[in-house]
C-alpha atoms as a PDB file:
ATOM      1  CA  UNK A   1     120.437  85.435 115.069  1.00  0.00           C
ATOM      2  CA  UNK A   2     122.186  83.535 112.141  1.00  0.00           C
ATOM      3  CA  UNK A   3     120.674  80.907 109.903  1.00  0.00           C
ATOM      4  CA  UNK A   4     121.210  77.004 110.483  1.00  0.00           C
ATOM      5  CA  UNK A   5     123.862  75.418 108.684  1.00  0.00           C
ATOM      6  CA  UNK A   6     123.052  74.116 105.121  1.00  0.00           C
ATOM      7  CA  UNK A   7     124.614  72.961 101.863  1.00  0.00           C
ATOM      8  CA  UNK A   8     124.712  76.194  98.959  1.00  0.00           C
ATOM      9  CA  UNK A   9     123.918  75.062  95.452  1.00  0.00           C
ATOM     10  CA  UNK A  10     123.522  77.300  92.520  1.00  0.00           C
ATOM     11  CA  UNK A  11     122.323  75.893  89.080  1.00  0.00           C
ATOM     12  CA  UNK A  12     123.260  77.445  85.825  1.00  0.00           C
ATOM     13  CA  UNK A  13     120.414  76.138  84.040  1.00  0.00           C
ATOM     14  CA  UNK A  14     116.696  75.010  84.326  1.00  0.00           C
ATOM     15  CA  UNK A  15     117.802  71.462  83.626  1.00  0.00           C
ATOM     16  CA  UNK A  16     120.165  71.342  86.012  1.00  0.00           C
ATOM     17  CA  UNK A  17     118.040  72.891  88.827  1.00  0.00           C
ATOM     18  CA  UNK A  18     115.372  70.135  88.286  1.00  0.00           C
ATOM     19  CA  UNK A  19     118.376  67.668  88.455  1.00  0.00           C
ATOM     20  CA  UNK A  20     119.373  69.083  91.949  1.00  0.00           C
ATOM     21  CA  UNK A  21     115.507  69.310  93.315  1.00  0.00           C
ATOM     22  CA  UNK A  22     115.110  65.421  92.325  1.00  0.00           C
ATOM     23  CA  UNK A  23     118.351  64.290  93.855  1.00  0.00           C
ATOM     24  CA  UNK A  24     118.255  66.461  97.186  1.00  0.00           C
ATOM     25  CA  UNK A  25     115.701  66.325 100.250  1.00  0.00           C
ATOM     26  CA  UNK A  26     114.750  68.871 102.550  1.00  0.00           C
ATOM     27  CA  UNK A  27     115.852  71.522  99.813  1.00  0.00           C
ATOM     28  CA  UNK A  28     114.704  75.388  99.703  1.00  0.00           C
ATOM     29  CA  UNK A  29     114.878  77.698  96.723  1.00  0.00           C
ATOM     30  CA  UNK A  30     116.260  80.911  97.038  1.00  0.00           C
ATOM     31  CA  UNK A  31     114.730  83.395  94.661  1.00  0.00           C
ATOM     32  CA  UNK A  32     114.317  87.163  95.878  1.00  0.00           C
ATOM     33  CA  UNK A  33     115.039  86.108  99.810  1.00  0.00           C
ATOM     34  CA  UNK A  34     112.959  88.658 101.110  1.00  0.00           C
ATOM     35  CA  UNK A  35     110.952  86.257 103.305  1.00  0.00           C
ATOM     36  CA  UNK A  36     113.148  83.216 103.266  1.00  0.00           C
ATOM     37  CA  UNK A  37     116.307  85.150 104.656  1.00  0.00           C
ATOM     38  CA  UNK A  38     114.288  86.604 107.520  1.00  0.00           C
ATOM     39  CA  UNK A  39     112.933  82.792 108.255  1.00  0.00           C
ATOM     40  CA  UNK A  40     116.445  81.471 108.259  1.00  0.00           C
ATOM     41  CA  UNK A  41     117.800  83.810 110.206  1.00  0.00           C
ATOM     42  CA  UNK A  42     114.829  83.264 112.796  1.00  0.00           C
ATOM     43  CA  UNK A  43     115.131  79.618 112.666  1.00  0.00           C
ATOM     44  CA  UNK A  44     111.741  79.058 111.504  1.00  0.00           C
ATOM     45  CA  UNK A  45     112.924  76.795 108.735  1.00  0.00           C
ATOM     46  CA  UNK A  46     115.868  74.229 108.566  1.00  0.00           C
ATOM     47  CA  UNK A  47     116.958  73.436 104.965  1.00  0.00           C
ATOM     48  CA  UNK A  48     119.585  70.930 104.641  1.00  0.00           C
ATOM     49  CA  UNK A  49     120.106  72.435 101.149  1.00  0.00           C
ATOM     50  CA  UNK A  50     119.656  76.067  99.669  1.00  0.00           C
ATOM     51  CA  UNK A  51     119.404  76.373  95.990  1.00  0.00           C
ATOM     52  CA  UNK A  52     119.765  79.483  94.535  1.00  0.00           C
ATOM     53  CA  UNK A  53     118.170  80.148  91.258  1.00  0.00           C
ATOM     54  CA  UNK A  54     119.209  83.592  90.285  1.00  0.00           C
ATOM     55  CA  UNK A  55     121.672  82.447  87.594  1.00  0.00           C
ATOM     56  CA  UNK A  56     119.296  80.296  85.876  1.00  0.00           C
ATOM     57  CA  UNK A  57     118.330  81.793  82.466  1.00  0.00           C
ATOM     58  CA  UNK A  58     114.833  82.350  81.055  1.00  0.00           C
ATOM     59  CA  UNK A  59     113.192  82.279  84.387  1.00  0.00           C
ATOM     60  CA  UNK A  60     112.332  86.223  84.033  1.00  0.00           C
ATOM     61  CA  UNK A  61     110.346  88.032  81.619  1.00  0.00           C
ATOM     62  CA  UNK A  62     107.056  89.875  80.683  1.00  0.00           C
ATOM     63  CA  UNK A  63     105.181  89.066  77.502  1.00  0.00           C
ATOM     64  CA  UNK A  64     101.710  88.823  76.165  1.00  0.00           C
ATOM     65  CA  UNK A  65     100.531  85.422  74.482  1.00  0.00           C
ATOM     66  CA  UNK A  66      97.066  85.244  73.197  1.00  0.00           C
ATOM     67  CA  UNK A  67      95.417  87.572  75.437  1.00  0.00           C
ATOM     68  CA  UNK A  68      97.390  86.186  78.409  1.00  0.00           C
ATOM     69  CA  UNK A  69     100.025  87.993  80.433  1.00  0.00           C
ATOM     70  CA  UNK A  70     102.653  85.887  81.271  1.00  0.00           C
ATOM     71  CA  UNK A  71     105.416  86.360  83.815  1.00  0.00           C
ATOM     72  CA  UNK A  72     108.158  84.402  84.412  1.00  0.00           C
ATOM     73  CA  UNK A  73     108.599  83.363  88.096  1.00  0.00           C
ATOM     74  CA  UNK A  74     111.950  85.324  88.499  1.00  0.00           C
ATOM     75  CA  UNK A  75     110.769  88.507  87.531  1.00  0.00           C
ATOM     76  CA  UNK A  76     111.418  91.226  90.009  1.00  0.00           C
ATOM     77  CA  UNK A  77     108.308  92.692  91.715  1.00  0.00           C
ATOM     78  CA  UNK A  78     109.584  96.376  90.837  1.00  0.00           C
ATOM     79  CA  UNK A  79     109.970  95.350  87.338  1.00  0.00           C
ATOM     80  CA  UNK A  80     106.478  94.150  86.998  1.00  0.00           C
ATOM     81  CA  UNK A  81     105.177  97.194  88.890  1.00  0.00           C
ATOM     82  CA  UNK A  82     106.699  99.447  86.218  1.00  0.00           C
ATOM     83  CA  UNK A  83     106.186  97.421  83.189  1.00  0.00           C
ATOM     84  CA  UNK A  84     104.141  99.334  80.644  1.00  0.00           C
ATOM     85  CA  UNK A  85     102.314  96.486  79.202  1.00  0.00           C
ATOM     86  CA  UNK A  86     101.232  95.354  82.878  1.00  0.00           C
ATOM     87  CA  UNK A  87     100.056  98.787  83.569  1.00  0.00           C
ATOM     88  CA  UNK A  88      98.036  98.981  80.159  1.00  0.00           C
ATOM     89  CA  UNK A  89      96.593  95.426  80.067  1.00  0.00           C
ATOM     90  CA  UNK A  90      96.484  94.406  83.777  1.00  0.00           C
ATOM     91  CA  UNK A  91      96.468  97.620  86.001  1.00  0.00           C
ATOM     92  CA  UNK A  92      95.104  95.986  89.071  1.00  0.00           C
ATOM     93  CA  UNK A  93      98.522  94.063  89.110  1.00  0.00           C
ATOM     94  CA  UNK A  94     100.406  96.879  89.331  1.00  0.00           C
ATOM     95  CA  UNK A  95      98.392  98.875  91.507  1.00  0.00           C
ATOM     96  CA  UNK A  96      98.476  95.903  94.196  1.00  0.00           C
ATOM     97  CA  UNK A  97     102.590  95.668  93.978  1.00  0.00           C
ATOM     98  CA  UNK A  98     102.841  99.419  94.864  1.00  0.00           C
ATOM     99  CA  UNK A  99     101.730  98.242  98.015  1.00  0.00           C
ATOM    100  CA  UNK A 100     103.989  95.146  98.569  1.00  0.00           C
ATOM    101  CA  UNK A 101     106.468  95.855 101.374  1.00  0.00           C
ATOM    102  CA  UNK A 102     108.678  98.924 100.263  1.00  0.00           C
ATOM    103  CA  UNK A 103     110.553  99.581  97.135  1.00  0.00           C
ATOM    104  CA  UNK A 104     113.839  97.941  98.387  1.00  0.00           C
ATOM    105  CA  UNK A 105     111.776  94.756  99.024  1.00  0.00           C
ATOM    106  CA  UNK A 106     109.891  94.773  95.754  1.00  0.00           C
ATOM    107  CA  UNK A 107     113.701  95.470  93.793  1.00  0.00           C
ATOM    108  CA  UNK A 108     114.584  91.693  94.973  1.00  0.00           C
ATOM    109  CA  UNK A 109     111.332  90.185  95.590  1.00  0.00           C
ATOM    110  CA  UNK A 110     110.012  88.032  92.597  1.00  0.00           C
ATOM    111  CA  UNK A 111     106.404  87.001  91.696  1.00  0.00           C
ATOM    112  CA  UNK A 112     107.219  83.283  91.837  1.00  0.00           C
ATOM    113  CA  UNK A 113     108.663  83.497  95.339  1.00  0.00           C
ATOM    114  CA  UNK A 114     105.889  85.389  96.572  1.00  0.00           C
ATOM    115  CA  UNK A 115     103.354  82.718  95.240  1.00  0.00           C
ATOM    116  CA  UNK A 116     105.480  79.738  96.686  1.00  0.00           C
ATOM    117  CA  UNK A 117     105.739  81.621  99.941  1.00  0.00           C
ATOM    118  CA  UNK A 118     101.849  82.026  99.975  1.00  0.00           C
ATOM    119  CA  UNK A 119     101.337  84.425 103.055  1.00  0.00           C
ATOM    120  CA  UNK A 120      97.762  84.983 103.084  1.00  0.00           C
ATOM    121  CA  UNK A 121      98.099  88.592 103.855  1.00  0.00           C
ATOM    122  CA  UNK A 122     100.457  88.790 100.572  1.00  0.00           C
ATOM    123  CA  UNK A 123      99.149  90.800  97.786  1.00  0.00           C
ATOM    124  CA  UNK A 124     100.164  88.655  94.728  1.00  0.00           C
ATOM    125  CA  UNK A 125      98.564  85.421  95.832  1.00  0.00           C
ATOM    126  CA  UNK A 126      95.481  87.265  96.050  1.00  0.00           C
ATOM    127  CA  UNK A 127      95.820  89.054  92.682  1.00  0.00           C
ATOM    128  CA  UNK A 128      96.447  85.712  91.215  1.00  0.00           C
ATOM    129  CA  UNK A 129      93.368  84.043  92.471  1.00  0.00           C
ATOM    130  CA  UNK A 130      91.152  87.247  91.504  1.00  0.00           C
ATOM    131  CA  UNK A 131      92.789  86.657  87.662  1.00  0.00           C
ATOM    132  CA  UNK A 132      92.099  82.834  87.869  1.00  0.00           C
ATOM    133  CA  UNK A 133      95.768  82.860  86.637  1.00  0.00           C
ATOM    134  CA  UNK A 134      97.614  79.524  85.828  1.00  0.00           C
ATOM    135  CA  UNK A 135     101.043  78.328  87.470  1.00  0.00           C
ATOM    136  CA  UNK A 136     103.466  76.573  85.223  1.00  0.00           C
ATOM    137  CA  UNK A 137     105.436  74.262  86.988  1.00  0.00           C
ATOM    138  CA  UNK A 138     108.627  72.155  85.987  1.00  0.00           C
ATOM    139  CA  UNK A 139     110.565  69.244  87.370  1.00  0.00           C
ATOM    140  CA  UNK A 140     113.043  66.552  86.031  1.00  0.00           C
ATOM    141  CA  UNK A 141     111.246  65.256  82.751  1.00  0.00           C
ATOM    142  CA  UNK A 142     108.189  67.329  82.429  1.00  0.00           C
ATOM    143  CA  UNK A 143     106.203  70.418  83.110  1.00  0.00           C
ATOM    144  CA  UNK A 144     102.445  70.974  84.221  1.00  0.00           C
ATOM    145  CA  UNK A 145      99.988  73.907  84.651  1.00  0.00           C
ATOM    146  CA  UNK A 146      97.975  74.170  87.985  1.00  0.00           C
ATOM    147  CA  UNK A 147      95.114  76.660  88.231  1.00  0.00           C
ATOM    148  CA  UNK A 148      95.620  79.139  90.943  1.00  0.00           C
ATOM    149  CA  UNK A 149      92.680  77.612  92.821  1.00  0.00           C
ATOM    150  CA  UNK A 150      94.266  74.336  92.813  1.00  0.00           C
ATOM    151  CA  UNK A 151      97.858  75.806  93.839  1.00  0.00           C
ATOM    152  CA  UNK A 152      96.598  77.583  96.978  1.00  0.00           C
ATOM    153  CA  UNK A 153      96.267  74.300  99.157  1.00  0.00           C
ATOM    154  CA  UNK A 154      96.474  75.857 102.659  1.00  0.00           C
ATOM    155  CA  UNK A 155      98.403  78.061 104.828  1.00  0.00           C
ATOM    156  CA  UNK A 156     101.685  78.955 103.327  1.00  0.00           C
ATOM    157  CA  UNK A 157     101.235  75.307 101.316  1.00  0.00           C
ATOM    158  CA  UNK A 158     101.344  75.815  97.676  1.00  0.00           C
ATOM    159  CA  UNK A 159     100.556  72.778  95.802  1.00  0.00           C
ATOM    160  CA  UNK A 160     103.771  71.553  94.446  1.00  0.00           C
ATOM    161  CA  UNK A 161     106.101  68.786  95.106  1.00  0.00           C
ATOM    162  CA  UNK A 162     109.439  68.954  96.684  1.00  0.00           C
ATOM    163  CA  UNK A 163     111.051  68.061  93.297  1.00  0.00           C
ATOM    164  CA  UNK A 164     109.160  70.877  91.418  1.00  0.00           C
ATOM    165  CA  UNK A 165     109.641  74.588  90.707  1.00  0.00           C
ATOM    166  CA  UNK A 166     107.471  77.404  89.687  1.00  0.00           C
ATOM    167  CA  UNK A 167     108.719  78.789  86.424  1.00  0.00           C
ATOM    168  CA  UNK A 168     106.181  81.289  85.191  1.00  0.00           C
ATOM    169  CA  UNK A 169     102.543  82.610  86.002  1.00  0.00           C
ATOM    170  CA  UNK A 170     100.008  83.184  83.100  1.00  0.00           C
ATOM    171  CA  UNK A 171      97.167  85.757  83.794  1.00  0.00           C
ATOM    172  CA  UNK A 172      93.989  85.701  81.685  1.00  0.00           C
ATOM    173  CA  UNK A 173      93.662  89.395  80.494  1.00  0.00           C
ATOM    174  CA  UNK A 174      90.322  91.258  80.895  1.00  0.00           C
ATOM    175  CA  UNK A 175      89.017  93.287  78.064  1.00  0.00           C
ATOM    176  CA  UNK A 176      90.073  96.878  77.439  1.00  0.00           C
ATOM    177  CA  UNK A 177      88.048  99.157  79.638  1.00  0.00           C
ATOM    178  CA  UNK A 178      87.481  97.094  82.611  1.00  0.00           C
ATOM    179  CA  UNK A 179      87.216  98.533  85.962  1.00  0.00           C
ATOM    180  CA  UNK A 180      89.558  97.506  88.695  1.00  0.00           C
ATOM    181  CA  UNK A 181      90.845  98.094  92.286  1.00  0.00           C
ATOM    182  CA  UNK A 182      93.022  96.833  94.961  1.00  0.00           C
ATOM    183  CA  UNK A 183      92.816  98.363  98.342  1.00  0.00           C
ATOM    184  CA  UNK A 184      94.094  96.992 101.739  1.00  0.00           C
ATOM    185  CA  UNK A 185      94.267  98.363 105.269  1.00  0.00           C
ATOM    186  CA  UNK A 186      97.661  98.161 107.058  1.00  0.00           C
ATOM    187  CA  UNK A 187      98.865  99.952 110.365  1.00  0.00           C
ATOM    188  CA  UNK A 188     101.586 101.511 108.443  1.00  0.00           C
ATOM    189  CA  UNK A 189     102.492 101.199 104.738  1.00  0.00           C
ATOM    190  CA  UNK A 190     104.630  97.948 104.240  1.00  0.00           C
ATOM    191  CA  UNK A 191     103.041  95.991 107.104  1.00  0.00           C
ATOM    192  CA  UNK A 192     101.127  92.931 106.357  1.00  0.00           C
ATOM    193  CA  UNK A 193      97.586  93.803 105.467  1.00  0.00           C
ATOM    194  CA  UNK A 194      94.830  93.212 108.363  1.00  0.00           C
ATOM    195  CA  UNK A 195      92.323  92.785 105.517  1.00  0.00           C
ATOM    196  CA  UNK A 196      92.733  93.509 101.406  1.00  0.00           C
ATOM    197  CA  UNK A 197      90.392  93.124  98.586  1.00  0.00           C
ATOM    198  CA  UNK A 198      90.561  93.276  94.742  1.00  0.00           C
ATOM    199  CA  UNK A 199      87.730  93.605  92.009  1.00  0.00           C
ATOM    200  CA  UNK A 200      87.665  93.218  88.328  1.00  0.00           C
ATOM    201  CA  UNK A 201      84.459  94.589  86.528  1.00  0.00           C
ATOM    202  CA  UNK A 202      82.834  95.320  83.230  1.00  0.00           C
ATOM    203  CA  UNK A 203      79.674  96.752  82.269  1.00  0.00           C
ATOM    204  CA  UNK A 204      77.695  96.642  79.308  1.00  0.00           C
ATOM    205  CA  UNK A 205      76.661  99.775  77.347  1.00  0.00           C
ATOM    206  CA  UNK A 206      73.922 100.574  79.886  1.00  0.00           C
ATOM    207  CA  UNK A 207      76.214 100.288  82.630  1.00  0.00           C
ATOM    208  CA  UNK A 208      74.908  97.226  83.877  1.00  0.00           C
ATOM    209  CA  UNK A 209      77.593  94.679  85.380  1.00  0.00           C
ATOM    210  CA  UNK A 210      78.253  91.844  83.091  1.00  0.00           C
ATOM    211  CA  UNK A 211      81.218  90.232  84.450  1.00  0.00           C
ATOM    212  CA  UNK A 212      82.962  90.715  88.006  1.00  0.00           C
ATOM    213  CA  UNK A 213      85.516  88.851  90.020  1.00  0.00           C
ATOM    214  CA  UNK A 214      86.233  89.537  93.639  1.00  0.00           C
ATOM    215  CA  UNK A 215      88.912  88.063  95.964  1.00  0.00           C
ATOM    216  CA  UNK A 216      89.488  88.849  99.712  1.00  0.00           C
ATOM    217  CA  UNK A 217      93.292  88.476 101.557  1.00  0.00           C
ATOM    218  CA  UNK A 218      94.532  88.547 104.704  1.00  0.00           C
ATOM    219  CA  UNK A 219      91.569  87.522 106.786  1.00  0.00           C
ATOM    220  CA  UNK A 220      92.020  83.657 106.702  1.00  0.00           C
ATOM    221  CA  UNK A 221      94.536  80.899 106.141  1.00  0.00           C
ATOM    222  CA  UNK A 222      94.440  81.495 102.265  1.00  0.00           C
ATOM    223  CA  UNK A 223      93.069  84.224 100.056  1.00  0.00           C
ATOM    224  CA  UNK A 224      89.632  83.999  99.095  1.00  0.00           C
ATOM    225  CA  UNK A 225      87.268  84.122  96.156  1.00  0.00           C
ATOM    226  CA  UNK A 226      84.016  86.366  96.702  1.00  0.00           C
ATOM    227  CA  UNK A 227      81.835  83.978  94.493  1.00  0.00           C
ATOM    228  CA  UNK A 228      78.866  85.038  96.648  1.00  0.00           C
ATOM    229  CA  UNK A 229      79.394  88.585  96.370  1.00  0.00           C
ATOM    230  CA  UNK A 230      80.212  88.316  92.877  1.00  0.00           C
ATOM    231  CA  UNK A 231      76.655  86.658  92.085  1.00  0.00           C
ATOM    232  CA  UNK A 232      74.799  89.615  94.271  1.00  0.00           C
ATOM    233  CA  UNK A 233      76.430  92.006  91.935  1.00  0.00           C
ATOM    234  CA  UNK A 234      76.345  90.354  88.490  1.00  0.00           C
ATOM    235  CA  UNK A 235      73.587  91.789  86.086  1.00  0.00           C
ATOM    236  CA  UNK A 236      72.900  94.803  88.436  1.00  0.00           C
ATOM    237  CA  UNK A 237      73.719  98.546  88.353  1.00  0.00           C
ATOM    238  CA  UNK A 238      76.174  98.014  91.036  1.00  0.00           C
ATOM    239  CA  UNK A 239      74.215 100.906  93.269  1.00  0.00           C
ATOM    240  CA  UNK A 240      74.977 101.257  96.753  1.00  0.00           C
ATOM    241  CA  UNK A 241      72.049  99.227  98.333  1.00  0.00           C
ATOM    242  CA  UNK A 242      73.541  96.142  96.162  1.00  0.00           C
ATOM    243  CA  UNK A 243      77.232  96.706  97.291  1.00  0.00           C
ATOM    244  CA  UNK A 244      75.814  96.856 100.738  1.00  0.00           C
ATOM    245  CA  UNK A 245      73.911  93.512 100.127  1.00  0.00           C
ATOM    246  CA  UNK A 246      77.250  91.930  98.525  1.00  0.00           C
ATOM    247  CA  UNK A 247      79.026  92.657 101.428  1.00  0.00           C
ATOM    248  CA  UNK A 248      77.173  90.183 103.434  1.00  0.00           C
ATOM    249  CA  UNK A 249      79.598  87.525 102.238  1.00  0.00           C
ATOM    250  CA  UNK A 250      81.870  89.196 104.687  1.00  0.00           C
ATOM    251  CA  UNK A 251      79.807  87.622 107.347  1.00  0.00           C
ATOM    252  CA  UNK A 252      80.471  83.950 106.270  1.00  0.00           C
ATOM    253  CA  UNK A 253      84.167  84.462 106.353  1.00  0.00           C
ATOM    254  CA  UNK A 254      86.228  82.010 108.577  1.00  0.00           C
ATOM    255  CA  UNK A 255      88.259  84.961 109.715  1.00  0.00           C
ATOM    256  CA  UNK A 256      91.608  84.438 112.132  1.00  0.00           C
ATOM    257  CA  UNK A 257      92.454  86.652 114.720  1.00  0.00           C
ATOM    258  CA  UNK A 258      95.948  87.216 115.877  1.00  0.00           C
ATOM    259  CA  UNK A 259      98.137  90.075 117.456  1.00  0.00           C
ATOM    260  CA  UNK A 260      97.207  92.664 114.868  1.00  0.00           C
ATOM    261  CA  UNK A 261      93.383  92.464 115.819  1.00  0.00           C
ATOM    262  CA  UNK A 262      90.567  89.785 116.705  1.00  0.00           C
ATOM    263  CA  UNK A 263      88.330  88.258 114.260  1.00  0.00           C
ATOM    264  CA  UNK A 264      85.748  90.305 114.667  1.00  0.00           C
ATOM    265  CA  UNK A 265      87.721  93.324 113.897  1.00  0.00           C
ATOM    266  CA  UNK A 266      89.477  91.545 110.876  1.00  0.00           C
ATOM    267  CA  UNK A 267      85.710  90.931 109.794  1.00  0.00           C
ATOM    268  CA  UNK A 268      84.888  94.531 110.017  1.00  0.00           C
ATOM    269  CA  UNK A 269      88.004  95.874 108.385  1.00  0.00           C
ATOM    270  CA  UNK A 270      87.331  93.183 105.650  1.00  0.00           C
ATOM    271  CA  UNK A 271      83.798  94.926 104.937  1.00  0.00           C
ATOM    272  CA  UNK A 272      85.181  98.436 104.899  1.00  0.00           C
ATOM    273  CA  UNK A 273      88.134  97.543 102.367  1.00  0.00           C
ATOM    274  CA  UNK A 274      85.662  95.641  99.866  1.00  0.00           C
ATOM    275  CA  UNK A 275      83.029  98.286  99.894  1.00  0.00           C
ATOM    276  CA  UNK A 276      85.789 100.548  98.885  1.00  0.00           C
ATOM    277  CA  UNK A 277      87.092  98.427  96.426  1.00  0.00           C
ATOM    278  CA  UNK A 278      84.141  97.473  94.638  1.00  0.00           C
ATOM    279  CA  UNK A 279      82.789 101.109  94.592  1.00  0.00           C
ATOM    280  CA  UNK A 280      86.129 102.269  93.070  1.00  0.00           C
ATOM    281  CA  UNK A 281      86.343  99.584  90.634  1.00  0.00           C
ATOM    282  CA  UNK A 282      82.692  99.888  89.338  1.00  0.00           C
ATOM    283  CA  UNK A 283      83.062 103.767  89.207  1.00  0.00           C
ATOM    284  CA  UNK A 284      86.250 103.014  87.165  1.00  0.00           C
ATOM    285  CA  UNK A 285      84.435 100.566  85.099  1.00  0.00           C
ATOM    286  CA  UNK A 286      81.636 103.260  84.123  1.00  0.00           C
ATOM    287  CA  UNK A 287      84.460 106.063  83.568  1.00  0.00           C
ATOM    288  CA  UNK A 288      86.542 103.829  80.982  1.00  0.00           C
ATOM    289  CA  UNK A 289      83.573 102.786  79.419  1.00  0.00           C
ATOM    290  CA  UNK A 290      82.647 106.644  78.643  1.00  0.00           C
ATOM    291  CA  UNK A 291      86.064 107.105  77.598  1.00  0.00           C
ATOM    292  CA  UNK A 292      85.456 104.198  74.809  1.00  0.00           C
ATOM    293  CA  UNK A 293      82.437 105.294  73.492  1.00  0.00           C
END
């Protein structure tokens, strides 16, 4: 199929982009286009205006600012995946990105595009939620910052207005030596995840977990934080019995079934994926702690 007819606009600056957004109705922003072009061709979306932001300067780049990783919304996923700063300070981001689609997809796909598309099976929204990221948003006349928990509103529904655009993502960095893991189950590499899970963890000198974050994706309408599982594991050694107790978090998930599998199947997969994720992250935290001593 071919896309429906639309007006094509290509701003040359952020100010021009914001003016366009304020002055148009039913517009869609074209960043990497890896999801949008398919949706246009399949006639899932019918925009009157398509605004191509690939020539807007200042929307791409990676930098460390005050123990926060700042990534411009137009930064290509492949560039983030290979960036040495990301691999050193936020290695789980690179680990998750390696699982996003295929290399050709990541060459064009952007971090801002993935967050705004907000597919519940996508890796980047789950990673952003895991890290308590903040989303910088611009519109004509000003900017605002939104916590990722507020940015994620509902199924494929980000918390931005039609006249707004995401310009950057800021990810709070964990201390050196933290453990991490992102794992997912797919039928084939590059497919949408049946279930995914991410974990960040730090341990004190005795090996006790003093800080942990857990997020699960692909099982509900939005990615979810595993607050209950975090509470079970915090202050423990992270032994196998405690990990199994933490997995009871999955029992209370509002899981959706589809042609990939029933709700019960997804819940079973989520437990398996989360178990592997937790054990790997805790093991890495202890190994890295030993390397720093």
